[in-house]
Amino acid sequence: MHRALLILALAAPLACDESADPAPFMGDDAFVRDPALDVELVSAHGDAISHATGDNCMRCHQENGPGPGRFTAAGTLHDEAGAPYPDGLVELRSAPDGMGDLVAAIEVDGLGNFYTTEALPLPATALFPTVYSADGARQNFMPFPTSSGACNVCHAGGFGVRLPEG
């Protein structure tokens, strides 16, 4: 019994050390972002500088993250089998199925990723995404609008942004 009390007495100061505040984590309002990271970035056909295909791009490329650029829309385009699809196109419009006013056209890079730091009206104005194959012959669209440009948050795993078979 005395031994257990002695161990608790010795461990108590270690458990109550309030001076060891944890460092702010990515996404936390206290995260300090280097202003040099606030650069313009827009994906382009053929580029192979992106990474983390299929991941939530905006986890790092945001106001409280360590990635260069603050993305306003980003994600990965996949073919019908689920592999990354390079050099396609993503349009954000005011109506579904490629209709309505064109708000933004984002080229998919050579690795299948698309991203932009250009100002978009999201989340105040919901938009309808439509994706196109490299030759424009195949397309797929969301029948309902989205107020988020973080495409890979919902379109992850087996639910990736996909083009139909051609």
Protein backbone atom coordinates (compact mmCIF):
# COMPACT_ATOMS: atom_id res chain seq x y z
CA MET A 1 0.00 0.00 0.00
CA HIS A 2 2.76 2.45 0.91
CA ARG A 3 4.58 1.63 -2.31
CA ALA A 4 1.48 2.47 -4.42
CA LEU A 5 1.05 5.82 -2.64
CA LEU A 6 4.72 6.63 -3.17
CA ILE A 7 4.44 5.91 -6.91
CA LEU A 8 1.33 8.12 -7.19
CA ALA A 9 3.02 10.91 -5.25
CA LEU A 10 6.06 10.82 -7.53
CA ALA A 11 4.01 10.65 -10.76
CA ALA A 12 1.54 13.42 -9.84
CA PRO A 13 3.85 16.33 -10.73
CA LEU A 14 4.49 14.79 -14.18
CA ALA A 15 0.79 14.47 -14.94
CA CYS A 16 0.02 18.04 -13.91
CA ASP A 17 2.79 19.82 -15.84
CA GLU A 18 0.78 22.69 -17.34
CA SER A 19 3.82 24.40 -18.87
CA ALA A 20 4.05 21.82 -21.68
CA ASP A 21 1.40 23.24 -24.02
CA PRO A 22 1.09 21.18 -27.19
CA ALA A 23 2.05 22.86 -30.44
CA PRO A 24 -0.89 24.05 -32.55
CA PHE A 25 -1.89 21.44 -35.10
CA MET A 26 -2.59 21.92 -38.77
CA GLY A 27 -6.08 23.38 -39.21
CA ASP A 28 -6.11 24.91 -35.73
CA ASP A 29 -6.72 28.69 -35.65
CA ALA A 30 -3.50 28.98 -33.61
CA PHE A 31 -1.44 27.38 -36.41
CA VAL A 32 1.05 29.98 -37.65
CA ARG A 33 1.26 29.90 -41.45
CA ASP A 34 4.36 31.24 -43.17
CA PRO A 35 3.16 34.16 -45.39
CA ALA A 36 5.60 32.99 -48.11
CA LEU A 37 3.25 30.04 -48.69
CA ASP A 38 0.47 32.34 -49.92
CA VAL A 39 1.20 31.99 -53.61
CA GLU A 40 -1.07 31.58 -56.64
CA LEU A 41 -1.31 27.97 -57.82
CA VAL A 42 -3.48 26.61 -60.61
CA SER A 43 -3.17 23.12 -62.08
CA ALA A 44 -2.42 22.78 -65.79
CA HIS A 45 -2.53 19.99 -68.35
CA GLY A 46 0.69 18.00 -68.41
CA ASP A 47 2.06 19.32 -65.11
CA ALA A 48 3.46 16.69 -62.76
CA ILE A 49 4.18 18.81 -59.67
CA SER A 50 1.13 17.83 -57.58
CA HIS A 51 1.11 14.98 -55.06
CA ALA A 52 -1.09 12.97 -52.69
CA THR A 53 -3.52 11.89 -55.41
CA GLY A 54 -6.93 11.13 -53.91
CA ASP A 55 -6.24 12.85 -50.56
CA ASN A 56 -8.01 15.95 -49.25
CA CYS A 57 -5.80 18.61 -50.84
CA MET A 58 -7.30 21.38 -48.73
CA ARG A 59 -6.16 19.73 -45.50
CA CYS A 60 -2.74 21.33 -46.06
CA HIS A 61 -3.43 24.00 -48.71
CA GLN A 62 -5.58 26.25 -46.52
CA GLU A 63 -5.35 29.25 -44.19
CA ASN A 64 -4.16 27.16 -41.23
CA GLY A 65 -2.05 24.65 -43.14
CA PRO A 66 1.56 24.21 -44.27
CA GLY A 67 0.93 23.69 -48.02
CA PRO A 68 1.78 26.33 -50.61
CA GLY A 69 -1.30 28.16 -51.89
CA ARG A 70 -4.72 28.45 -50.29
CA PHE A 71 -6.84 26.28 -52.55
CA THR A 72 -10.42 27.34 -53.22
CA ALA A 73 -11.17 24.13 -55.14
CA ALA A 74 -9.13 20.94 -55.44
CA GLY A 75 -9.48 17.22 -55.99
CA THR A 76 -8.61 14.24 -58.17
CA LEU A 77 -10.29 13.06 -61.38
CA HIS A 78 -10.48 9.29 -61.92
CA ASP A 79 -11.24 7.07 -64.89
CA GLU A 80 -14.06 4.50 -64.83
CA ALA A 81 -11.76 1.93 -63.13
CA GLY A 82 -10.75 4.36 -60.36
CA ALA A 83 -7.23 5.21 -61.59
CA PRO A 84 -6.19 8.89 -61.68
CA TYR A 85 -7.20 10.45 -65.00
CA PRO A 86 -4.78 13.08 -66.38
CA ASP A 87 -5.42 16.19 -68.44
CA GLY A 88 -9.20 16.41 -68.11
CA LEU A 89 -11.19 19.51 -67.23
CA VAL A 90 -13.38 20.55 -64.29
CA GLU A 91 -16.00 23.24 -64.77
CA LEU A 92 -17.91 24.96 -61.99
CA ARG A 93 -21.22 26.31 -63.23
CA SER A 94 -24.44 27.90 -62.01
CA ALA A 95 -26.58 24.94 -63.22
CA PRO A 96 -26.11 21.16 -63.53
CA ASP A 97 -24.93 19.10 -66.53
CA GLY A 98 -22.63 21.74 -68.00
CA MET A 99 -25.43 24.31 -68.20
CA GLY A 100 -25.69 27.78 -66.70
CA ASP A 101 -22.98 30.38 -66.34
CA LEU A 102 -19.36 29.23 -66.28
CA VAL A 103 -17.77 30.38 -63.01
CA ALA A 104 -14.42 28.55 -63.32
CA ALA A 105 -12.65 26.08 -65.60
CA ILE A 106 -9.82 24.15 -63.92
CA GLU A 107 -7.44 21.99 -65.95
CA VAL A 108 -6.59 18.57 -64.50
CA ASP A 109 -2.81 18.06 -64.34
CA GLY A 110 -0.80 15.13 -65.68
CA LEU A 111 -1.24 13.20 -62.42
CA GLY A 112 -5.04 13.52 -62.27
CA ASN A 113 -5.17 16.33 -59.70
CA PHE A 114 -6.85 19.70 -60.12
CA TYR A 115 -6.51 22.76 -57.89
CA THR A 116 -6.81 26.53 -57.91
CA THR A 117 -6.22 29.46 -55.60
CA GLU A 118 -8.39 31.73 -57.77
CA ALA A 119 -11.22 33.46 -55.92
CA LEU A 120 -14.49 31.53 -56.08
CA PRO A 121 -17.92 32.44 -54.66
CA LEU A 122 -17.91 29.29 -52.49
CA PRO A 123 -19.40 28.77 -49.89
CA ALA A 124 -21.74 31.75 -50.29
CA THR A 125 -22.87 30.57 -53.72
CA ALA A 126 -23.28 26.86 -54.39
CA LEU A 127 -21.95 25.62 -57.74
CA PHE A 128 -22.46 22.57 -59.99
CA PRO A 129 -19.27 20.69 -60.97
CA THR A 130 -18.95 18.97 -64.36
CA VAL A 131 -15.86 16.96 -65.33
CA TYR A 132 -14.70 16.26 -68.89
CA SER A 133 -12.26 13.81 -70.46
CA ALA A 134 -9.13 15.15 -72.14
CA ASP A 135 -10.82 15.06 -75.55
CA GLY A 136 -14.10 16.46 -74.18
CA ALA A 137 -16.08 13.43 -75.45
CA ARG A 138 -16.97 12.08 -71.99
CA GLN A 139 -18.42 13.99 -69.08
CA ASN A 140 -19.92 13.47 -65.65
CA PHE A 141 -21.68 15.99 -63.43
CA MET A 142 -23.13 16.43 -59.97
CA PRO A 143 -26.92 16.78 -60.23
CA PHE A 144 -26.99 18.90 -57.09
CA PRO A 145 -24.85 21.91 -56.09
CA THR A 146 -21.96 22.01 -53.67
CA SER A 147 -20.83 24.84 -51.42
CA SER A 148 -17.37 23.30 -50.89
CA GLY A 149 -14.41 23.14 -53.23
CA ALA A 150 -12.75 20.37 -51.17
CA CYS A 151 -13.84 17.67 -53.63
CA ASN A 152 -11.81 14.79 -52.15
CA VAL A 153 -13.52 15.15 -48.77
CA CYS A 154 -16.69 13.53 -50.11
CA HIS A 155 -15.23 11.93 -53.22
CA ALA A 156 -12.81 9.57 -51.46
CA GLY A 157 -12.04 5.89 -51.84
CA GLY A 158 -14.62 4.19 -54.08
CA PHE A 159 -16.58 7.45 -54.41
CA GLY A 160 -13.93 9.37 -56.37
CA VAL A 161 -14.80 11.92 -59.05
CA ARG A 162 -15.07 9.63 -62.10
CA LEU A 163 -15.54 9.82 -65.82
CA PRO A 164 -17.88 7.24 -67.40
CA GLU A 165 -16.52 4.59 -69.76
CA GLY A 166 -15.93 5.84 -73.23
